[in-house]
């Protein structure tokens, strides 16, 4: 389903979904992160990924930092974090080694001190909401869409979010780029050839 939807639709959905996130208990958050991480590990192992763009969780997003640290140790994966260098421009991905010194970036999101740009072949994009066509509802800044449109070769983009965030449509706009897959604690929207690799 395309089109703009009601005038304040995205704003209203975003507010409702962010409010629902705040109701999730600490125990549930840990369990959900472990479940999502296990699914992602299966995908990464199957796809031969070497460099992963992860995210520093804000606004009660699924916290995959512990999973990322363990994955880097066990699989020799290079990790990187998205960094806003110029407002409204594509993100850069800076190499991140867990435990290294960090500094506050835009919106006080931690970022590496050293600007070591890398090219991820696999990016995790946090979701506020999503639809079954794998379009992502974010915070409205457009950073991930601009970034994906600018990268060549384009990395695999995996949306990560809570299952209750599923919507019939997000009323995608021309600049919206669908994810290659979406993973929640209850489902994985994947290309058919990937399905065998996700528990």
N, C-alpha and C. Protein backbone atom coordinates (compact mmCIF):
# COMPACT_ATOMS: atom_id res chain seq x y z
N UNK A 1 0.85 -1.19 0.00
CA UNK A 1 0.00 0.00 0.00
C UNK A 1 0.89 1.24 0.00
N UNK A 2 0.63 2.14 -0.94
CA UNK A 2 1.42 3.34 -1.02
C UNK A 2 0.55 4.56 -0.74
N UNK A 3 1.15 5.72 -0.86
CA UNK A 3 0.42 6.95 -0.57
C UNK A 3 0.87 7.53 0.75
N UNK A 4 0.36 8.71 1.06
CA UNK A 4 0.82 9.41 2.26
C UNK A 4 0.10 8.97 3.52
N UNK A 5 -1.10 8.38 3.40
CA UNK A 5 -1.87 8.06 4.58
C UNK A 5 -2.43 9.34 5.19
N UNK A 6 -3.14 9.22 6.31
CA UNK A 6 -3.65 10.41 7.00
C UNK A 6 -2.51 11.37 7.33
N UNK A 7 -2.79 12.67 7.42
CA UNK A 7 -1.72 13.68 7.55
C UNK A 7 -0.74 13.43 8.69
N UNK A 8 -1.23 13.00 9.84
CA UNK A 8 -0.32 12.81 10.99
C UNK A 8 -0.08 11.33 11.27
N UNK A 9 -0.32 10.47 10.27
CA UNK A 9 -0.28 9.03 10.51
C UNK A 9 1.07 8.57 11.05
N UNK A 10 2.15 8.92 10.38
CA UNK A 10 3.47 8.45 10.82
C UNK A 10 3.80 8.98 12.22
N UNK A 11 3.51 10.23 12.46
CA UNK A 11 3.78 10.81 13.78
C UNK A 11 2.99 10.08 14.86
N UNK A 12 1.72 9.80 14.59
CA UNK A 12 0.88 9.13 15.58
C UNK A 12 1.33 7.70 15.83
N UNK A 13 1.64 6.97 14.75
CA UNK A 13 2.11 5.60 14.92
C UNK A 13 3.43 5.54 15.67
N UNK A 14 4.30 6.45 15.33
CA UNK A 14 5.62 6.49 15.99
C UNK A 14 5.44 6.71 17.49
N UNK A 15 4.60 7.65 17.86
CA UNK A 15 4.37 7.95 19.28
C UNK A 15 3.78 6.75 20.00
N UNK A 16 2.81 6.07 19.38
CA UNK A 16 2.17 4.91 20.02
C UNK A 16 3.16 3.76 20.19
N UNK A 17 3.97 3.51 19.18
CA UNK A 17 4.92 2.40 19.26
C UNK A 17 6.04 2.69 20.26
N UNK A 18 6.49 3.91 20.33
CA UNK A 18 7.52 4.26 21.31
C UNK A 18 6.97 4.16 22.73
N UNK A 19 5.70 4.51 22.91
CA UNK A 19 5.08 4.37 24.23
C UNK A 19 4.98 2.90 24.61
N UNK A 20 4.63 2.03 23.65
CA UNK A 20 4.53 0.60 23.93
C UNK A 20 5.88 0.01 24.32
N UNK A 21 6.93 0.50 23.71
CA UNK A 21 8.28 0.03 24.07
C UNK A 21 8.59 0.26 25.54
N UNK A 22 8.15 1.39 26.03
CA UNK A 22 8.49 1.75 27.41
C UNK A 22 7.84 0.82 28.43
N UNK A 23 6.86 0.06 28.01
CA UNK A 23 6.16 -0.85 28.91
C UNK A 23 6.82 -2.21 29.02
N UNK A 24 7.84 -2.48 28.23
CA UNK A 24 8.48 -3.79 28.24
C UNK A 24 9.41 -3.89 29.44
N UNK A 25 9.33 -4.99 30.18
CA UNK A 25 10.15 -5.15 31.38
C UNK A 25 11.60 -5.44 31.03
N UNK A 26 12.48 -5.26 32.00
CA UNK A 26 13.90 -5.53 31.79
C UNK A 26 14.14 -6.99 31.44
N UNK A 27 13.42 -7.89 32.11
CA UNK A 27 13.57 -9.32 31.84
C UNK A 27 13.15 -9.65 30.41
N UNK A 28 12.05 -9.06 29.97
CA UNK A 28 11.60 -9.29 28.59
C UNK A 28 12.61 -8.76 27.59
N UNK A 29 13.20 -7.62 27.89
CA UNK A 29 14.17 -7.04 26.96
C UNK A 29 15.37 -7.95 26.77
N UNK A 30 15.86 -8.52 27.86
CA UNK A 30 17.01 -9.42 27.77
C UNK A 30 16.65 -10.66 26.95
N UNK A 31 15.48 -11.23 27.22
CA UNK A 31 15.05 -12.42 26.49
C UNK A 31 14.87 -12.14 25.00
N UNK A 32 14.26 -11.00 24.68
CA UNK A 32 14.04 -10.65 23.28
C UNK A 32 15.38 -10.44 22.56
N UNK A 33 16.32 -9.77 23.21
CA UNK A 33 17.62 -9.55 22.60
C UNK A 33 18.33 -10.87 22.32
N UNK A 34 18.22 -11.82 23.24
CA UNK A 34 18.87 -13.12 23.03
C UNK A 34 18.23 -13.86 21.86
N UNK A 35 16.91 -13.81 21.76
CA UNK A 35 16.20 -14.49 20.67
C UNK A 35 16.56 -13.88 19.32
N UNK A 36 16.52 -12.56 19.24
CA UNK A 36 16.86 -11.88 17.99
C UNK A 36 18.32 -12.12 17.62
N UNK A 37 19.20 -12.07 18.62
CA UNK A 37 20.62 -12.32 18.35
C UNK A 37 20.88 -13.70 17.78
N UNK A 38 20.18 -14.71 18.31
CA UNK A 38 20.36 -16.07 17.79
C UNK A 38 19.95 -16.16 16.33
N UNK A 39 18.88 -15.49 15.96
CA UNK A 39 18.45 -15.49 14.56
C UNK A 39 19.48 -14.80 13.67
N UNK A 40 19.99 -13.68 14.14
CA UNK A 40 20.97 -12.94 13.36
C UNK A 40 22.27 -13.73 13.20
N UNK A 41 22.67 -14.45 14.23
CA UNK A 41 23.90 -15.25 14.14
C UNK A 41 23.76 -16.30 13.04
N UNK A 42 22.59 -16.93 12.95
CA UNK A 42 22.38 -17.90 11.89
C UNK A 42 22.52 -17.29 10.52
N UNK A 43 21.96 -16.11 10.33
CA UNK A 43 22.07 -15.43 9.05
C UNK A 43 23.50 -15.06 8.72
N UNK A 44 24.18 -14.48 9.69
CA UNK A 44 25.54 -14.02 9.47
C UNK A 44 26.46 -15.18 9.11
N UNK A 45 26.31 -16.29 9.80
CA UNK A 45 27.14 -17.46 9.52
C UNK A 45 26.90 -17.96 8.10
N UNK A 46 25.64 -17.95 7.67
CA UNK A 46 25.30 -18.47 6.34
C UNK A 46 25.75 -17.54 5.22
N UNK A 47 25.72 -16.24 5.46
CA UNK A 47 25.99 -15.28 4.40
C UNK A 47 27.46 -14.91 4.28
N UNK A 48 28.28 -15.39 5.19
CA UNK A 48 29.71 -15.10 5.10
C UNK A 48 30.06 -13.65 5.38
N UNK A 49 29.30 -13.04 6.24
CA UNK A 49 29.50 -11.63 6.59
C UNK A 49 30.81 -11.44 7.34
N UNK A 50 31.52 -10.34 7.04
CA UNK A 50 32.77 -10.05 7.73
C UNK A 50 32.75 -8.73 8.51
N UNK A 51 31.92 -7.78 8.07
CA UNK A 51 31.88 -6.47 8.70
C UNK A 51 30.43 -6.06 8.92
N UNK A 52 30.07 -5.83 10.18
CA UNK A 52 28.67 -5.56 10.52
C UNK A 52 28.52 -4.16 11.10
N UNK A 53 27.59 -3.43 10.55
CA UNK A 53 27.20 -2.15 11.12
C UNK A 53 26.11 -2.39 12.16
N UNK A 54 26.44 -2.19 13.41
CA UNK A 54 25.47 -2.36 14.50
C UNK A 54 24.97 -0.96 14.90
N UNK A 55 24.18 -0.87 15.94
CA UNK A 55 23.69 0.44 16.39
C UNK A 55 23.78 0.50 17.90
N UNK A 56 23.97 1.73 18.39
CA UNK A 56 23.96 1.94 19.84
C UNK A 56 22.51 2.21 20.24
N UNK A 57 21.90 1.36 21.09
CA UNK A 57 20.47 1.47 21.34
C UNK A 57 20.07 2.75 22.07
N UNK A 58 19.02 3.37 21.57
CA UNK A 58 18.41 4.54 22.21
C UNK A 58 16.89 4.31 22.24
N UNK A 59 16.21 5.08 23.02
CA UNK A 59 14.74 5.04 23.05
C UNK A 59 14.19 3.62 23.22
N UNK A 60 14.83 2.84 24.08
CA UNK A 60 14.36 1.49 24.41
C UNK A 60 14.40 0.53 23.21
N UNK A 61 15.31 0.74 22.28
CA UNK A 61 15.50 -0.20 21.18
C UNK A 61 16.06 -1.52 21.72
N UNK A 62 15.94 -2.58 20.93
CA UNK A 62 16.52 -3.86 21.31
C UNK A 62 18.04 -3.70 21.44
N UNK A 63 18.57 -4.08 22.58
CA UNK A 63 20.00 -3.89 22.86
C UNK A 63 20.77 -5.12 22.43
N UNK A 64 21.49 -4.99 21.32
CA UNK A 64 22.28 -6.10 20.77
C UNK A 64 23.78 -5.92 20.98
N UNK A 65 24.17 -5.02 21.87
CA UNK A 65 25.59 -4.76 22.07
C UNK A 65 26.31 -5.98 22.65
N UNK A 66 25.71 -6.64 23.63
CA UNK A 66 26.34 -7.84 24.19
C UNK A 66 26.48 -8.91 23.12
N UNK A 67 25.43 -9.10 22.35
CA UNK A 67 25.49 -10.07 21.25
C UNK A 67 26.61 -9.72 20.28
N UNK A 68 26.74 -8.44 19.94
CA UNK A 68 27.76 -8.02 18.99
C UNK A 68 29.16 -8.28 19.53
N UNK A 69 29.37 -8.01 20.82
CA UNK A 69 30.68 -8.26 21.42
C UNK A 69 31.03 -9.74 21.35
N UNK A 70 30.07 -10.59 21.67
CA UNK A 70 30.32 -12.04 21.64
C UNK A 70 30.54 -12.52 20.22
N UNK A 71 29.81 -11.97 19.28
CA UNK A 71 29.96 -12.36 17.87
C UNK A 71 31.35 -11.97 17.35
N UNK A 72 31.81 -10.80 17.73
CA UNK A 72 33.14 -10.36 17.28
C UNK A 72 34.21 -11.31 17.79
N UNK A 73 34.06 -11.77 19.02
CA UNK A 73 35.04 -12.70 19.59
C UNK A 73 34.97 -14.07 18.94
N UNK A 74 33.77 -14.60 18.78
CA UNK A 74 33.62 -15.98 18.32
C UNK A 74 33.75 -16.14 16.81
N UNK A 75 33.40 -15.10 16.04
CA UNK A 75 33.40 -15.22 14.59
C UNK A 75 34.45 -14.33 13.91
N UNK A 76 35.18 -13.53 14.69
CA UNK A 76 36.18 -12.65 14.10
C UNK A 76 35.57 -11.55 13.24
N UNK A 77 34.37 -11.12 13.61
CA UNK A 77 33.66 -10.11 12.84
C UNK A 77 34.18 -8.71 13.19
N UNK A 78 34.33 -7.86 12.18
CA UNK A 78 34.63 -6.45 12.40
C UNK A 78 33.32 -5.71 12.65
N UNK A 79 33.27 -4.91 13.71
CA UNK A 79 32.08 -4.15 14.04
C UNK A 79 32.28 -2.68 13.72
N UNK A 80 31.18 -2.00 13.37
CA UNK A 80 31.24 -0.56 13.18
C UNK A 80 29.92 0.05 13.60
N UNK A 81 29.96 1.34 13.87
CA UNK A 81 28.78 2.08 14.33
C UNK A 81 28.48 3.22 13.37
N UNK A 82 27.19 3.49 13.14
CA UNK A 82 26.83 4.63 12.28
C UNK A 82 27.07 5.94 13.01
N UNK A 83 27.61 6.90 12.28
CA UNK A 83 27.94 8.20 12.87
C UNK A 83 27.38 9.31 11.98
N UNK A 84 26.67 10.25 12.59
CA UNK A 84 26.23 11.44 11.88
C UNK A 84 27.40 12.41 11.84
N UNK A 85 27.94 12.64 10.65
CA UNK A 85 29.05 13.58 10.49
C UNK A 85 28.52 14.94 10.08
N UNK A 86 27.57 14.93 9.13
CA UNK A 86 26.93 16.16 8.66
C UNK A 86 25.42 15.97 8.73
N UNK A 87 24.69 16.86 9.39
CA UNK A 87 23.23 16.70 9.48
C UNK A 87 22.59 16.56 8.11
N UNK A 88 21.62 15.63 8.03
CA UNK A 88 20.83 15.38 6.82
C UNK A 88 21.64 14.76 5.68
N UNK A 89 22.86 14.32 5.97
CA UNK A 89 23.69 13.65 4.97
C UNK A 89 23.82 12.17 5.34
N UNK A 90 24.27 11.31 4.39
CA UNK A 90 24.43 9.89 4.73
C UNK A 90 25.34 9.68 5.93
N UNK A 91 25.07 8.62 6.67
CA UNK A 91 25.90 8.25 7.81
C UNK A 91 27.24 7.71 7.34
N UNK A 92 28.24 7.85 8.18
CA UNK A 92 29.50 7.12 8.00
C UNK A 92 29.53 5.98 9.01
N UNK A 93 30.21 4.90 8.68
CA UNK A 93 30.37 3.79 9.61
C UNK A 93 31.82 3.76 10.08
N UNK A 94 31.99 3.94 11.40
CA UNK A 94 33.32 3.98 12.01
C UNK A 94 33.57 2.68 12.75
N UNK A 95 34.75 2.15 12.55
CA UNK A 95 35.11 0.90 13.22
C UNK A 95 34.97 1.04 14.73
N UNK A 96 34.38 0.01 15.33
CA UNK A 96 34.17 0.01 16.78
C UNK A 96 34.71 -1.27 17.37
N UNK A 97 35.60 -1.13 18.33
CA UNK A 97 36.10 -2.26 19.09
C UNK A 97 35.50 -2.18 20.49
N UNK A 98 34.69 -3.16 20.90
CA UNK A 98 34.07 -3.10 22.23
C UNK A 98 35.10 -2.86 23.32
N UNK A 99 34.77 -1.95 24.22
CA UNK A 99 35.67 -1.61 25.31
C UNK A 99 36.52 -0.39 25.04
N UNK A 100 36.56 0.08 23.79
CA UNK A 100 37.38 1.24 23.49
C UNK A 100 36.73 2.52 24.00
N UNK A 101 37.51 3.58 24.10
CA UNK A 101 36.99 4.86 24.56
C UNK A 101 35.97 5.40 23.56
N UNK A 102 34.88 5.97 24.07
CA UNK A 102 33.84 6.54 23.23
C UNK A 102 33.64 8.01 23.61
N UNK A 103 32.93 8.72 22.74
CA UNK A 103 32.58 10.11 23.03
C UNK A 103 31.14 10.35 22.58
N UNK A 104 30.47 11.36 23.16
CA UNK A 104 29.09 11.62 22.75
C UNK A 104 29.03 12.23 21.36
N UNK A 105 28.10 11.70 20.55
CA UNK A 105 27.89 12.24 19.22
C UNK A 105 26.57 12.99 19.15
N UNK A 106 25.98 13.06 17.95
CA UNK A 106 24.68 13.71 17.77
C UNK A 106 23.65 13.00 18.64
N UNK A 107 22.78 13.77 19.28
CA UNK A 107 21.77 13.27 20.23
C UNK A 107 22.41 12.52 21.40
N UNK A 108 23.70 12.80 21.66
CA UNK A 108 24.45 12.16 22.75
C UNK A 108 24.59 10.65 22.58
N UNK A 109 24.47 10.16 21.36
CA UNK A 109 24.69 8.74 21.11
C UNK A 109 26.20 8.49 21.10
N UNK A 110 26.69 7.52 21.89
CA UNK A 110 28.13 7.26 21.91
C UNK A 110 28.67 6.90 20.52
N UNK A 111 29.87 7.39 20.24
CA UNK A 111 30.55 7.11 18.98
C UNK A 111 32.03 6.91 19.25
N UNK A 112 32.73 6.17 18.38
CA UNK A 112 34.17 5.99 18.60
C UNK A 112 34.91 7.33 18.59
N UNK A 113 35.99 7.39 19.34
CA UNK A 113 36.81 8.60 19.35
C UNK A 113 37.53 8.76 18.02
N UNK A 114 38.04 7.65 17.48
CA UNK A 114 38.81 7.68 16.24
C UNK A 114 37.90 7.51 15.03
N UNK A 115 38.10 8.33 14.02
CA UNK A 115 37.34 8.22 12.77
C UNK A 115 38.06 7.24 11.84
N UNK A 116 37.66 5.98 11.95
CA UNK A 116 38.21 4.92 11.11
C UNK A 116 37.07 4.36 10.28
N UNK A 117 36.89 4.89 9.07
CA UNK A 117 35.74 4.54 8.23
C UNK A 117 35.91 3.16 7.63
N UNK A 118 34.86 2.36 7.75
CA UNK A 118 34.86 1.03 7.13
C UNK A 118 33.59 0.87 6.31
N UNK A 119 33.56 -0.16 5.46
CA UNK A 119 32.41 -0.42 4.60
C UNK A 119 31.75 -1.72 5.04
N UNK A 120 30.66 -1.65 5.78
CA UNK A 120 30.00 -2.88 6.24
C UNK A 120 29.35 -3.62 5.08
N UNK A 121 29.34 -4.95 5.18
CA UNK A 121 28.59 -5.72 4.19
C UNK A 121 27.24 -6.16 4.74
N UNK A 122 26.95 -5.79 5.99
CA UNK A 122 25.73 -6.19 6.68
C UNK A 122 25.41 -5.09 7.68
N UNK A 123 24.23 -4.49 7.60
CA UNK A 123 23.85 -3.39 8.48
C UNK A 123 22.59 -3.75 9.24
N UNK A 124 22.59 -3.50 10.54
CA UNK A 124 21.39 -3.63 11.35
C UNK A 124 20.76 -2.26 11.52
N UNK A 125 19.48 -2.16 11.16
CA UNK A 125 18.77 -0.90 11.26
C UNK A 125 17.64 -1.03 12.28
N UNK A 126 17.66 -0.29 13.38
CA UNK A 126 16.58 -0.39 14.36
C UNK A 126 15.27 0.13 13.79
N UNK A 127 14.18 -0.54 14.16
CA UNK A 127 12.86 -0.20 13.66
C UNK A 127 12.02 0.43 14.75
N UNK A 128 11.26 1.45 14.40
CA UNK A 128 10.14 1.86 15.25
C UNK A 128 8.93 1.03 14.86
N UNK A 129 8.72 0.87 13.56
CA UNK A 129 7.66 0.03 13.03
C UNK A 129 8.10 -0.57 11.70
N UNK A 130 7.31 -1.50 11.18
CA UNK A 130 7.63 -2.11 9.89
C UNK A 130 6.35 -2.70 9.30
N UNK A 131 6.38 -2.96 7.99
CA UNK A 131 5.24 -3.65 7.37
C UNK A 131 5.73 -4.93 6.70
N UNK A 132 4.80 -5.71 6.20
CA UNK A 132 5.15 -7.03 5.67
C UNK A 132 5.85 -6.94 4.32
N UNK A 133 5.92 -5.76 3.73
CA UNK A 133 6.73 -5.55 2.53
C UNK A 133 8.16 -5.14 2.89
N UNK A 134 8.46 -5.19 4.18
CA UNK A 134 9.80 -4.94 4.72
C UNK A 134 10.20 -3.46 4.66
N UNK A 135 9.22 -2.58 4.61
CA UNK A 135 9.53 -1.17 4.74
C UNK A 135 9.62 -0.82 6.22
N UNK A 136 10.51 0.09 6.52
CA UNK A 136 10.86 0.45 7.90
C UNK A 136 10.31 1.82 8.25
N UNK A 137 9.67 1.91 9.42
CA UNK A 137 9.30 3.20 10.00
C UNK A 137 10.36 3.55 11.02
N UNK A 138 11.08 4.64 10.79
CA UNK A 138 12.11 5.07 11.72
C UNK A 138 11.67 6.29 12.51
N UNK A 139 12.65 7.15 12.83
CA UNK A 139 12.34 8.33 13.64
C UNK A 139 11.98 9.54 12.80
N UNK A 140 12.07 9.40 11.48
CA UNK A 140 11.65 10.49 10.61
C UNK A 140 12.77 11.33 10.04
N UNK A 141 14.01 11.03 10.41
CA UNK A 141 15.13 11.83 9.91
C UNK A 141 15.62 11.41 8.53
N UNK A 142 15.31 10.19 8.12
CA UNK A 142 15.71 9.71 6.80
C UNK A 142 17.16 9.29 6.67
N UNK A 143 17.88 9.16 7.79
CA UNK A 143 19.32 8.88 7.70
C UNK A 143 19.62 7.52 7.08
N UNK A 144 18.89 6.48 7.49
CA UNK A 144 19.22 5.16 6.96
C UNK A 144 18.88 5.06 5.48
N UNK A 145 17.78 5.65 5.05
CA UNK A 145 17.44 5.61 3.63
C UNK A 145 18.49 6.34 2.80
N UNK A 146 18.91 7.51 3.25
CA UNK A 146 19.95 8.25 2.51
C UNK A 146 21.25 7.47 2.47
N UNK A 147 21.57 6.82 3.58
CA UNK A 147 22.82 6.06 3.64
C UNK A 147 22.79 4.87 2.69
N UNK A 148 21.71 4.09 2.73
CA UNK A 148 21.61 2.93 1.83
C UNK A 148 21.65 3.36 0.37
N UNK A 149 21.00 4.47 0.06
CA UNK A 149 20.99 4.95 -1.33
C UNK A 149 22.37 5.38 -1.79
N UNK A 150 23.25 5.75 -0.86
CA UNK A 150 24.57 6.28 -1.23
C UNK A 150 25.65 5.21 -1.31
N UNK A 151 25.42 4.04 -0.72
CA UNK A 151 26.48 3.04 -0.63
C UNK A 151 26.54 2.16 -1.88
N UNK A 152 27.75 1.95 -2.37
CA UNK A 152 27.96 1.11 -3.54
C UNK A 152 29.28 0.36 -3.35
N UNK A 153 29.23 -0.97 -3.20
CA UNK A 153 28.04 -1.81 -3.25
C UNK A 153 27.17 -1.62 -2.00
N UNK A 154 25.88 -1.84 -2.19
CA UNK A 154 24.97 -1.68 -1.07
C UNK A 154 25.04 -2.88 -0.15
N UNK A 155 25.20 -2.66 1.16
CA UNK A 155 25.23 -3.78 2.10
C UNK A 155 23.86 -4.40 2.28
N UNK A 156 23.85 -5.61 2.82
CA UNK A 156 22.59 -6.23 3.24
C UNK A 156 22.05 -5.44 4.42
N UNK A 157 20.78 -5.07 4.35
CA UNK A 157 20.17 -4.26 5.41
C UNK A 157 19.10 -5.08 6.12
N UNK A 158 19.29 -5.27 7.42
CA UNK A 158 18.37 -6.06 8.24
C UNK A 158 17.70 -5.15 9.26
N UNK A 159 16.39 -5.04 9.18
CA UNK A 159 15.65 -4.27 10.18
C UNK A 159 15.44 -5.11 11.43
N UNK A 160 15.62 -4.50 12.58
CA UNK A 160 15.49 -5.19 13.87
C UNK A 160 14.49 -4.43 14.74
N UNK A 161 13.47 -5.15 15.23
CA UNK A 161 12.49 -4.47 16.06
C UNK A 161 11.62 -5.45 16.84
N UNK A 162 10.73 -4.91 17.63
CA UNK A 162 9.80 -5.73 18.40
C UNK A 162 8.65 -6.17 17.50
N UNK A 163 8.15 -7.37 17.75
CA UNK A 163 7.13 -7.92 16.87
C UNK A 163 5.83 -7.11 16.91
N UNK A 164 5.52 -6.50 18.05
CA UNK A 164 4.28 -5.73 18.12
C UNK A 164 4.32 -4.49 17.22
N UNK A 165 5.49 -4.20 16.66
CA UNK A 165 5.66 -3.02 15.80
C UNK A 165 5.19 -3.25 14.37
N UNK A 166 4.70 -4.46 14.07
CA UNK A 166 4.23 -4.76 12.71
C UNK A 166 2.97 -3.95 12.39
N UNK A 167 2.96 -3.37 11.20
CA UNK A 167 1.83 -2.56 10.72
C UNK A 167 1.37 -3.09 9.37
N UNK A 168 0.13 -2.81 9.03
CA UNK A 168 -0.35 -3.24 7.72
C UNK A 168 0.45 -2.58 6.60
N UNK A 169 0.76 -1.32 6.77
CA UNK A 169 1.61 -0.59 5.84
C UNK A 169 2.21 0.59 6.58
N UNK A 170 3.33 1.09 6.09
CA UNK A 170 3.85 2.35 6.62
C UNK A 170 3.58 3.48 5.63
N UNK A 171 2.79 3.19 4.58
CA UNK A 171 2.57 4.15 3.51
C UNK A 171 3.91 4.65 2.97
N UNK A 172 4.70 3.73 2.38
CA UNK A 172 6.05 4.11 1.94
C UNK A 172 6.04 5.25 0.93
N UNK A 173 7.03 6.10 1.06
CA UNK A 173 7.22 7.22 0.16
C UNK A 173 8.33 6.88 -0.84
N UNK A 174 8.46 7.65 -1.92
CA UNK A 174 9.44 7.30 -2.96
C UNK A 174 10.86 7.12 -2.45
N UNK A 175 11.25 7.84 -1.40
CA UNK A 175 12.63 7.73 -0.91
C UNK A 175 12.83 6.54 0.04
N UNK A 176 11.75 5.90 0.49
CA UNK A 176 11.87 4.79 1.44
C UNK A 176 12.45 3.57 0.73
N UNK A 177 13.41 2.92 1.36
CA UNK A 177 14.06 1.74 0.80
C UNK A 177 13.70 0.54 1.68
N UNK A 178 13.13 -0.52 1.11
CA UNK A 178 12.79 -1.68 1.93
C UNK A 178 14.04 -2.38 2.45
N UNK A 179 13.93 -3.00 3.60
CA UNK A 179 15.00 -3.82 4.13
C UNK A 179 15.10 -5.13 3.34
N UNK A 180 16.27 -5.73 3.36
CA UNK A 180 16.43 -7.06 2.75
C UNK A 180 15.74 -8.12 3.60
N UNK A 181 15.67 -7.87 4.90
CA UNK A 181 15.00 -8.78 5.82
C UNK A 181 14.64 -7.99 7.07
N UNK A 182 13.68 -8.51 7.82
CA UNK A 182 13.31 -7.94 9.11
C UNK A 182 13.25 -9.07 10.12
N UNK A 183 13.86 -8.85 11.27
CA UNK A 183 13.92 -9.87 12.31
C UNK A 183 13.33 -9.30 13.60
N UNK A 184 12.39 -10.04 14.18
CA UNK A 184 11.84 -9.72 15.49
C UNK A 184 11.98 -10.97 16.36
N UNK A 185 11.48 -10.88 17.60
CA UNK A 185 11.56 -12.04 18.48
C UNK A 185 10.63 -13.16 18.04
N UNK A 186 9.63 -12.87 17.19
CA UNK A 186 8.65 -13.88 16.81
C UNK A 186 8.66 -14.25 15.33
N UNK A 187 9.28 -13.45 14.51
CA UNK A 187 9.25 -13.74 13.08
C UNK A 187 10.52 -13.24 12.40
N UNK A 188 10.72 -13.73 11.19
CA UNK A 188 11.79 -13.24 10.33
C UNK A 188 11.23 -13.15 8.92
N UNK A 189 11.17 -11.95 8.39
CA UNK A 189 10.76 -11.75 7.00
C UNK A 189 12.02 -11.80 6.15
N UNK A 190 12.16 -12.89 5.40
CA UNK A 190 13.42 -13.18 4.72
C UNK A 190 13.19 -13.56 3.27
N UNK A 191 14.21 -13.38 2.42
CA UNK A 191 14.17 -14.03 1.12
C UNK A 191 14.10 -15.55 1.33
N UNK A 192 13.39 -16.29 0.48
CA UNK A 192 13.22 -17.74 0.70
C UNK A 192 14.53 -18.49 0.88
N UNK A 193 15.57 -18.07 0.16
CA UNK A 193 16.83 -18.82 0.24
C UNK A 193 17.56 -18.64 1.56
N UNK A 194 17.14 -17.69 2.38
CA UNK A 194 17.77 -17.48 3.68
C UNK A 194 17.05 -18.23 4.80
N UNK A 195 15.85 -18.67 4.56
CA UNK A 195 14.98 -19.15 5.62
C UNK A 195 15.56 -20.32 6.41
N UNK A 196 16.30 -21.19 5.76
CA UNK A 196 16.82 -22.38 6.42
C UNK A 196 17.87 -22.05 7.47
N UNK A 197 18.37 -20.83 7.45
CA UNK A 197 19.49 -20.47 8.34
C UNK A 197 19.06 -19.75 9.61
N UNK A 198 17.76 -19.53 9.77
CA UNK A 198 17.28 -18.78 10.93
C UNK A 198 16.48 -19.71 11.84
N UNK A 199 16.87 -19.82 13.12
CA UNK A 199 16.14 -20.72 14.03
C UNK A 199 14.72 -20.23 14.33
